[in-house]
N, C-alpha and C. Protein backbone atom coordinates (compact mmCIF):
# COMPACT_ATOMS: atom_id res chain seq x y z
N MET A 1 27.90 -76.99 70.87
CA MET A 1 28.87 -78.00 71.22
C MET A 1 30.13 -77.31 71.75
N ASP A 2 30.31 -77.33 73.08
CA ASP A 2 31.50 -76.75 73.68
C ASP A 2 32.61 -77.77 73.68
N GLU A 3 33.74 -77.39 73.11
CA GLU A 3 34.91 -78.26 73.09
C GLU A 3 35.88 -77.78 74.14
N ALA A 4 36.64 -78.72 74.70
CA ALA A 4 37.69 -78.36 75.65
C ALA A 4 38.74 -77.54 74.92
N PRO A 5 39.34 -76.57 75.62
CA PRO A 5 40.40 -75.80 74.97
C PRO A 5 41.59 -76.69 74.65
N ASN A 6 42.20 -76.43 73.54
CA ASN A 6 43.39 -77.18 73.12
C ASN A 6 44.61 -76.36 73.52
N ARG A 7 45.12 -76.67 74.70
CA ARG A 7 46.24 -75.91 75.26
C ARG A 7 47.35 -76.86 75.70
N ILE A 8 48.55 -76.29 75.78
CA ILE A 8 49.70 -77.05 76.28
C ILE A 8 50.71 -76.06 76.85
N ASP A 9 51.38 -76.48 77.92
CA ASP A 9 52.44 -75.66 78.50
C ASP A 9 53.76 -76.03 77.84
N ALA A 10 54.51 -75.02 77.43
CA ALA A 10 55.80 -75.22 76.76
C ALA A 10 56.90 -74.54 77.57
N HIS A 11 58.03 -75.24 77.72
CA HIS A 11 59.15 -74.73 78.52
C HIS A 11 60.45 -74.93 77.74
N ILE A 12 61.33 -73.94 77.82
CA ILE A 12 62.64 -74.06 77.19
C ILE A 12 63.66 -73.30 78.04
N GLU A 13 64.84 -73.89 78.19
CA GLU A 13 65.93 -73.26 78.93
C GLU A 13 67.16 -73.21 78.03
N PHE A 14 67.87 -72.08 78.08
CA PHE A 14 69.11 -71.95 77.31
C PHE A 14 69.91 -70.78 77.87
N SER A 15 71.16 -70.71 77.48
CA SER A 15 72.05 -69.61 77.91
C SER A 15 72.60 -68.91 76.68
N PHE A 16 72.77 -67.59 76.81
CA PHE A 16 73.33 -66.79 75.72
C PHE A 16 74.08 -65.61 76.34
N LYS A 17 75.34 -65.47 75.98
CA LYS A 17 76.19 -64.38 76.46
C LYS A 17 76.17 -64.28 78.00
N GLY A 18 76.26 -65.43 78.65
CA GLY A 18 76.33 -65.46 80.11
C GLY A 18 75.01 -65.26 80.82
N GLU A 19 73.93 -65.12 80.08
CA GLU A 19 72.61 -64.94 80.68
C GLU A 19 71.79 -66.20 80.48
N ASN A 20 71.15 -66.66 81.56
CA ASN A 20 70.30 -67.85 81.49
C ASN A 20 68.86 -67.45 81.21
N TYR A 21 68.24 -68.19 80.33
CA TYR A 21 66.84 -67.96 79.97
C TYR A 21 66.04 -69.20 80.34
N ASP A 22 64.91 -69.00 80.97
CA ASP A 22 63.99 -70.09 81.32
C ASP A 22 62.60 -69.59 80.95
N LEU A 23 62.17 -69.93 79.75
CA LEU A 23 60.91 -69.41 79.21
C LEU A 23 59.81 -70.45 79.32
N SER A 24 58.63 -70.01 79.71
CA SER A 24 57.46 -70.88 79.78
C SER A 24 56.26 -70.12 79.25
N SER A 25 55.39 -70.83 78.57
CA SER A 25 54.15 -70.25 78.05
C SER A 25 53.08 -71.32 78.01
N THR A 26 51.86 -70.90 78.23
CA THR A 26 50.71 -71.76 77.97
C THR A 26 50.22 -71.39 76.58
N LEU A 27 50.31 -72.35 75.66
CA LEU A 27 49.96 -72.09 74.27
C LEU A 27 48.53 -72.51 73.98
N ASP A 28 47.74 -71.59 73.47
CA ASP A 28 46.40 -71.90 72.98
C ASP A 28 46.60 -72.36 71.54
N LEU A 29 46.60 -73.66 71.34
CA LEU A 29 46.98 -74.23 70.04
C LEU A 29 46.02 -73.84 68.92
N ASP A 30 44.74 -73.66 69.23
CA ASP A 30 43.80 -73.22 68.19
C ASP A 30 44.20 -71.83 67.69
N ARG A 31 44.48 -70.94 68.62
CA ARG A 31 44.88 -69.58 68.26
C ARG A 31 46.20 -69.59 67.49
N VAL A 32 47.14 -70.40 67.96
CA VAL A 32 48.45 -70.48 67.30
C VAL A 32 48.29 -70.94 65.85
N LEU A 33 47.50 -72.00 65.63
CA LEU A 33 47.37 -72.53 64.28
C LEU A 33 46.53 -71.63 63.37
N GLU A 34 45.64 -70.84 63.95
CA GLU A 34 44.90 -69.88 63.13
C GLU A 34 45.81 -68.71 62.73
N LYS A 35 46.74 -68.35 63.60
CA LYS A 35 47.65 -67.23 63.32
C LYS A 35 48.75 -67.62 62.35
N TYR A 36 49.35 -68.79 62.57
CA TYR A 36 50.44 -69.27 61.73
C TYR A 36 49.91 -70.42 60.88
N LEU A 37 49.56 -70.16 59.64
CA LEU A 37 48.95 -71.19 58.81
C LEU A 37 49.87 -72.39 58.62
N THR A 38 51.16 -72.14 58.45
CA THR A 38 52.13 -73.23 58.44
C THR A 38 53.11 -72.93 59.55
N LEU A 39 53.38 -73.91 60.37
CA LEU A 39 54.18 -73.70 61.56
C LEU A 39 55.33 -74.68 61.60
N PRO A 40 56.54 -74.23 61.25
CA PRO A 40 57.68 -75.15 61.25
C PRO A 40 58.11 -75.56 62.64
N SER A 41 57.86 -74.71 63.65
CA SER A 41 58.34 -74.99 65.00
C SER A 41 57.62 -74.13 66.01
N LEU A 42 57.44 -74.67 67.20
CA LEU A 42 56.86 -73.85 68.26
C LEU A 42 57.90 -72.92 68.88
N HIS A 43 59.16 -73.07 68.48
CA HIS A 43 60.19 -72.13 68.92
C HIS A 43 59.80 -70.70 68.50
N ILE A 44 59.23 -70.58 67.30
CA ILE A 44 58.82 -69.27 66.80
C ILE A 44 57.78 -68.65 67.73
N VAL A 45 56.80 -69.44 68.12
CA VAL A 45 55.73 -68.94 68.99
C VAL A 45 56.30 -68.49 70.33
N LEU A 46 57.16 -69.33 70.92
CA LEU A 46 57.76 -68.97 72.20
C LEU A 46 58.61 -67.70 72.07
N ALA A 47 59.37 -67.60 71.00
CA ALA A 47 60.21 -66.42 70.80
C ALA A 47 59.35 -65.16 70.71
N VAL A 48 58.31 -65.20 69.90
CA VAL A 48 57.44 -64.03 69.74
C VAL A 48 56.77 -63.67 71.06
N GLU A 49 56.27 -64.67 71.79
CA GLU A 49 55.60 -64.40 73.07
C GLU A 49 56.55 -63.78 74.10
N HIS A 50 57.84 -64.06 73.97
CA HIS A 50 58.81 -63.55 74.94
C HIS A 50 59.67 -62.42 74.38
N GLY A 51 59.24 -61.85 73.24
CA GLY A 51 59.90 -60.68 72.69
C GLY A 51 61.29 -60.94 72.11
N ILE A 52 61.52 -62.16 71.65
CA ILE A 52 62.81 -62.50 71.05
C ILE A 52 62.70 -62.39 69.53
N ASP A 53 63.58 -61.61 68.94
CA ASP A 53 63.61 -61.42 67.49
C ASP A 53 63.98 -62.75 66.82
N THR A 54 63.16 -63.21 65.89
CA THR A 54 63.41 -64.50 65.24
C THR A 54 64.53 -64.42 64.20
N TYR A 55 65.13 -63.25 64.03
CA TYR A 55 66.30 -63.11 63.16
C TYR A 55 67.56 -62.78 63.97
N SER A 56 67.56 -63.16 65.26
CA SER A 56 68.68 -62.82 66.13
C SER A 56 69.51 -64.06 66.47
N TYR A 57 70.73 -63.81 66.96
CA TYR A 57 71.58 -64.91 67.45
C TYR A 57 70.94 -65.56 68.67
N LEU A 58 70.27 -64.77 69.48
CA LEU A 58 69.58 -65.31 70.65
C LEU A 58 68.57 -66.38 70.22
N TYR A 59 67.82 -66.09 69.17
CA TYR A 59 66.84 -67.06 68.66
C TYR A 59 67.54 -68.30 68.12
N GLU A 60 68.66 -68.12 67.43
CA GLU A 60 69.40 -69.28 66.91
C GLU A 60 69.84 -70.20 68.04
N ILE A 61 70.32 -69.63 69.13
CA ILE A 61 70.72 -70.43 70.29
C ILE A 61 69.49 -71.13 70.88
N MET A 62 68.40 -70.41 70.98
CA MET A 62 67.15 -70.97 71.50
C MET A 62 66.71 -72.19 70.69
N GLN A 63 66.86 -72.12 69.37
CA GLN A 63 66.43 -73.21 68.50
C GLN A 63 67.23 -74.49 68.73
N GLU A 64 68.41 -74.38 69.30
CA GLU A 64 69.25 -75.55 69.55
C GLU A 64 68.70 -76.43 70.68
N GLU A 65 67.85 -75.85 71.51
CA GLU A 65 67.32 -76.58 72.67
C GLU A 65 65.94 -77.15 72.38
N GLU A 66 65.68 -78.29 72.99
CA GLU A 66 64.36 -78.93 72.85
C GLU A 66 63.35 -78.22 73.76
N ILE A 67 62.15 -78.11 73.28
CA ILE A 67 61.05 -77.59 74.10
C ILE A 67 60.46 -78.77 74.86
N ARG A 68 60.23 -78.59 76.15
CA ARG A 68 59.55 -79.59 76.97
C ARG A 68 58.09 -79.18 77.11
N PHE A 69 57.23 -80.16 77.07
CA PHE A 69 55.80 -79.88 77.13
C PHE A 69 55.16 -80.64 78.29
N ASP A 70 54.11 -80.04 78.85
CA ASP A 70 53.30 -80.72 79.86
C ASP A 70 51.93 -80.05 79.94
N ASN A 71 51.09 -80.60 80.80
CA ASN A 71 49.77 -80.04 81.07
C ASN A 71 48.94 -79.83 79.79
N ALA A 72 48.92 -80.83 78.92
CA ALA A 72 48.13 -80.74 77.68
C ALA A 72 46.64 -80.86 78.01
N GLN A 73 45.83 -80.07 77.33
CA GLN A 73 44.39 -80.09 77.52
C GLN A 73 43.70 -80.25 76.17
N GLY A 74 42.50 -80.81 76.20
CA GLY A 74 41.74 -81.00 74.98
C GLY A 74 42.40 -82.03 74.07
N MET A 75 42.29 -81.79 72.77
CA MET A 75 42.87 -82.70 71.77
C MET A 75 44.39 -82.82 71.91
N ALA A 76 45.03 -81.79 72.42
CA ALA A 76 46.50 -81.79 72.55
C ALA A 76 46.99 -82.94 73.41
N ALA A 77 46.19 -83.38 74.37
CA ALA A 77 46.60 -84.46 75.27
C ALA A 77 46.89 -85.75 74.51
N ASP A 78 46.20 -85.96 73.40
CA ASP A 78 46.41 -87.17 72.60
C ASP A 78 47.75 -87.17 71.87
N PHE A 79 48.41 -86.03 71.81
CA PHE A 79 49.65 -85.92 71.04
C PHE A 79 50.87 -85.62 71.92
N LEU A 80 50.70 -85.76 73.24
CA LEU A 80 51.80 -85.53 74.18
C LEU A 80 52.21 -86.85 74.81
N THR A 81 53.50 -87.19 74.69
CA THR A 81 54.03 -88.42 75.28
C THR A 81 55.37 -88.11 75.93
N ASP A 82 55.44 -88.31 77.23
CA ASP A 82 56.70 -88.13 77.97
C ASP A 82 57.39 -86.80 77.68
N GLY A 83 56.63 -85.73 77.69
CA GLY A 83 57.20 -84.40 77.49
C GLY A 83 57.46 -84.01 76.05
N VAL A 84 57.14 -84.91 75.12
CA VAL A 84 57.34 -84.63 73.69
C VAL A 84 55.97 -84.45 73.03
N PHE A 85 55.80 -83.34 72.33
CA PHE A 85 54.54 -83.04 71.66
C PHE A 85 54.69 -83.29 70.17
N ASP A 86 53.79 -84.11 69.61
CA ASP A 86 53.79 -84.41 68.17
C ASP A 86 53.05 -83.28 67.45
N LEU A 87 53.78 -82.21 67.16
CA LEU A 87 53.19 -81.04 66.51
C LEU A 87 52.66 -81.38 65.13
N GLU A 88 53.40 -82.16 64.37
CA GLU A 88 52.97 -82.52 63.02
C GLU A 88 51.66 -83.31 63.05
N GLY A 89 51.58 -84.29 63.94
CA GLY A 89 50.36 -85.09 64.06
C GLY A 89 49.19 -84.26 64.53
N TYR A 90 49.43 -83.39 65.52
CA TYR A 90 48.37 -82.53 66.03
C TYR A 90 47.88 -81.58 64.94
N THR A 91 48.82 -80.98 64.21
CA THR A 91 48.45 -80.03 63.16
C THR A 91 47.61 -80.71 62.08
N ALA A 92 47.99 -81.92 61.69
CA ALA A 92 47.22 -82.65 60.67
C ALA A 92 45.81 -82.95 61.18
N HIS A 93 45.71 -83.41 62.42
CA HIS A 93 44.40 -83.73 63.00
C HIS A 93 43.56 -82.46 63.15
N TRP A 94 44.18 -81.40 63.61
CA TRP A 94 43.48 -80.13 63.79
C TRP A 94 42.93 -79.64 62.46
N GLY A 95 43.76 -79.71 61.41
CA GLY A 95 43.32 -79.26 60.09
C GLY A 95 42.12 -80.03 59.59
N GLU A 96 42.17 -81.36 59.75
CA GLU A 96 41.04 -82.19 59.30
C GLU A 96 39.79 -81.87 60.10
N SER A 97 39.91 -81.74 61.40
CA SER A 97 38.72 -81.48 62.21
C SER A 97 38.12 -80.12 61.89
N HIS A 98 38.95 -79.15 61.52
CA HIS A 98 38.43 -77.83 61.17
C HIS A 98 37.86 -77.78 59.75
N ARG A 99 38.25 -78.71 58.90
CA ARG A 99 37.63 -78.82 57.57
C ARG A 99 36.29 -79.53 57.67
N ILE A 100 36.21 -80.53 58.55
CA ILE A 100 35.00 -81.34 58.67
C ILE A 100 33.85 -80.55 59.29
N ALA A 101 34.12 -79.71 60.27
CA ALA A 101 33.06 -79.01 61.01
C ALA A 101 32.07 -78.28 60.09
N PRO A 102 32.54 -77.43 59.16
CA PRO A 102 31.56 -76.75 58.30
C PRO A 102 30.85 -77.71 57.34
N LEU A 103 31.55 -78.77 56.93
CA LEU A 103 30.91 -79.75 56.04
C LEU A 103 29.83 -80.52 56.79
N GLN A 104 30.05 -80.80 58.07
CA GLN A 104 29.05 -81.48 58.88
C GLN A 104 27.79 -80.62 58.99
N ILE A 105 27.98 -79.32 59.16
CA ILE A 105 26.84 -78.40 59.25
C ILE A 105 26.04 -78.41 57.95
N ILE A 106 26.75 -78.38 56.82
CA ILE A 106 26.07 -78.42 55.51
C ILE A 106 25.29 -79.72 55.36
N ALA A 107 25.91 -80.84 55.69
CA ALA A 107 25.24 -82.14 55.56
C ALA A 107 24.00 -82.20 56.45
N GLN A 108 24.09 -81.62 57.63
CA GLN A 108 22.94 -81.64 58.54
C GLN A 108 21.83 -80.73 58.02
N GLN A 109 22.18 -79.53 57.59
CA GLN A 109 21.17 -78.57 57.13
C GLN A 109 20.52 -79.00 55.82
N GLU A 110 21.31 -79.50 54.88
CA GLU A 110 20.80 -79.82 53.56
C GLU A 110 20.23 -81.22 53.43
N MET A 111 20.75 -82.15 54.24
CA MET A 111 20.35 -83.55 54.07
C MET A 111 19.87 -84.22 55.36
N GLY A 112 19.91 -83.49 56.47
CA GLY A 112 19.48 -84.07 57.74
C GLY A 112 20.44 -85.11 58.29
N ILE A 113 21.68 -85.11 57.84
CA ILE A 113 22.67 -86.09 58.29
C ILE A 113 23.38 -85.54 59.52
N GLU A 114 23.21 -86.24 60.65
CA GLU A 114 23.77 -85.79 61.92
C GLU A 114 25.25 -86.13 62.07
N ASP A 115 25.71 -87.22 61.45
CA ASP A 115 27.08 -87.68 61.64
C ASP A 115 27.67 -88.12 60.31
N LEU A 116 28.56 -87.31 59.75
CA LEU A 116 29.17 -87.64 58.46
C LEU A 116 30.01 -88.91 58.53
N ASP A 117 30.52 -89.26 59.71
CA ASP A 117 31.32 -90.48 59.83
C ASP A 117 30.49 -91.72 59.51
N ARG A 118 29.19 -91.63 59.61
CA ARG A 118 28.32 -92.77 59.29
C ARG A 118 28.03 -92.84 57.79
N HIS A 119 28.52 -91.86 57.05
CA HIS A 119 28.34 -91.80 55.60
C HIS A 119 29.70 -91.50 54.96
N PRO A 120 30.62 -92.47 54.99
CA PRO A 120 32.00 -92.21 54.55
C PRO A 120 32.12 -91.76 53.10
N GLN A 121 31.26 -92.26 52.21
CA GLN A 121 31.36 -91.84 50.80
C GLN A 121 30.96 -90.37 50.64
N LEU A 122 29.90 -89.96 51.32
CA LEU A 122 29.49 -88.56 51.27
C LEU A 122 30.57 -87.67 51.90
N LYS A 123 31.11 -88.10 53.02
CA LYS A 123 32.18 -87.34 53.69
C LYS A 123 33.36 -87.16 52.74
N SER A 124 33.75 -88.23 52.08
CA SER A 124 34.87 -88.18 51.15
C SER A 124 34.57 -87.22 49.99
N ALA A 125 33.35 -87.30 49.46
CA ALA A 125 32.97 -86.43 48.34
C ALA A 125 32.97 -84.96 48.76
N LEU A 126 32.44 -84.67 49.94
CA LEU A 126 32.43 -83.29 50.42
C LEU A 126 33.85 -82.77 50.66
N LEU A 127 34.71 -83.62 51.23
CA LEU A 127 36.10 -83.22 51.45
C LEU A 127 36.82 -82.95 50.13
N ARG A 128 36.56 -83.79 49.13
CA ARG A 128 37.18 -83.58 47.82
C ARG A 128 36.69 -82.28 47.18
N ALA A 129 35.38 -82.02 47.28
CA ALA A 129 34.83 -80.78 46.74
C ALA A 129 35.42 -79.57 47.47
N TYR A 130 35.55 -79.68 48.78
CA TYR A 130 36.15 -78.61 49.57
C TYR A 130 37.58 -78.35 49.11
N GLN A 131 38.35 -79.42 48.93
CA GLN A 131 39.75 -79.29 48.51
C GLN A 131 39.85 -78.65 47.13
N LEU A 132 38.95 -79.03 46.22
CA LEU A 132 38.94 -78.41 44.89
C LEU A 132 38.67 -76.91 45.00
N GLY A 133 37.77 -76.53 45.89
CA GLY A 133 37.49 -75.12 46.10
C GLY A 133 38.70 -74.36 46.64
N VAL A 134 39.43 -75.01 47.55
CA VAL A 134 40.63 -74.39 48.12
C VAL A 134 41.70 -74.21 47.06
N GLU A 135 41.84 -75.20 46.17
CA GLU A 135 42.89 -75.17 45.15
C GLU A 135 42.56 -74.22 44.00
N ALA A 136 41.28 -73.89 43.82
CA ALA A 136 40.86 -73.05 42.69
C ALA A 136 41.34 -71.62 42.82
């Protein structure tokens, strides 16, 4: 099952000490979320990609500006509206979809169930068991 890449273009402009910065990056959101388990802001990702120290005044100024987004691909497109990306919503959806995938494989291999969504009680039970394992 090939999935479309979950990517989005991010842009930010700001000035610091008389120098103008215009940073752009194409973010592979799957890679970003695998690298940063909890992600308070995509400012961090942009800073790291552009060699900006996240403990610098330059980074503090950068954080004051909004990131503009466009060209969303894959699942990311569902969370982009008028240049604003719902990172929290995307992250929650991404987390659930990545928890479900291995459980779907188990249900198919062990019980012959092709679609866990058609068995909501089993899906719920597997998710709860998974969560208990994570918390242990």
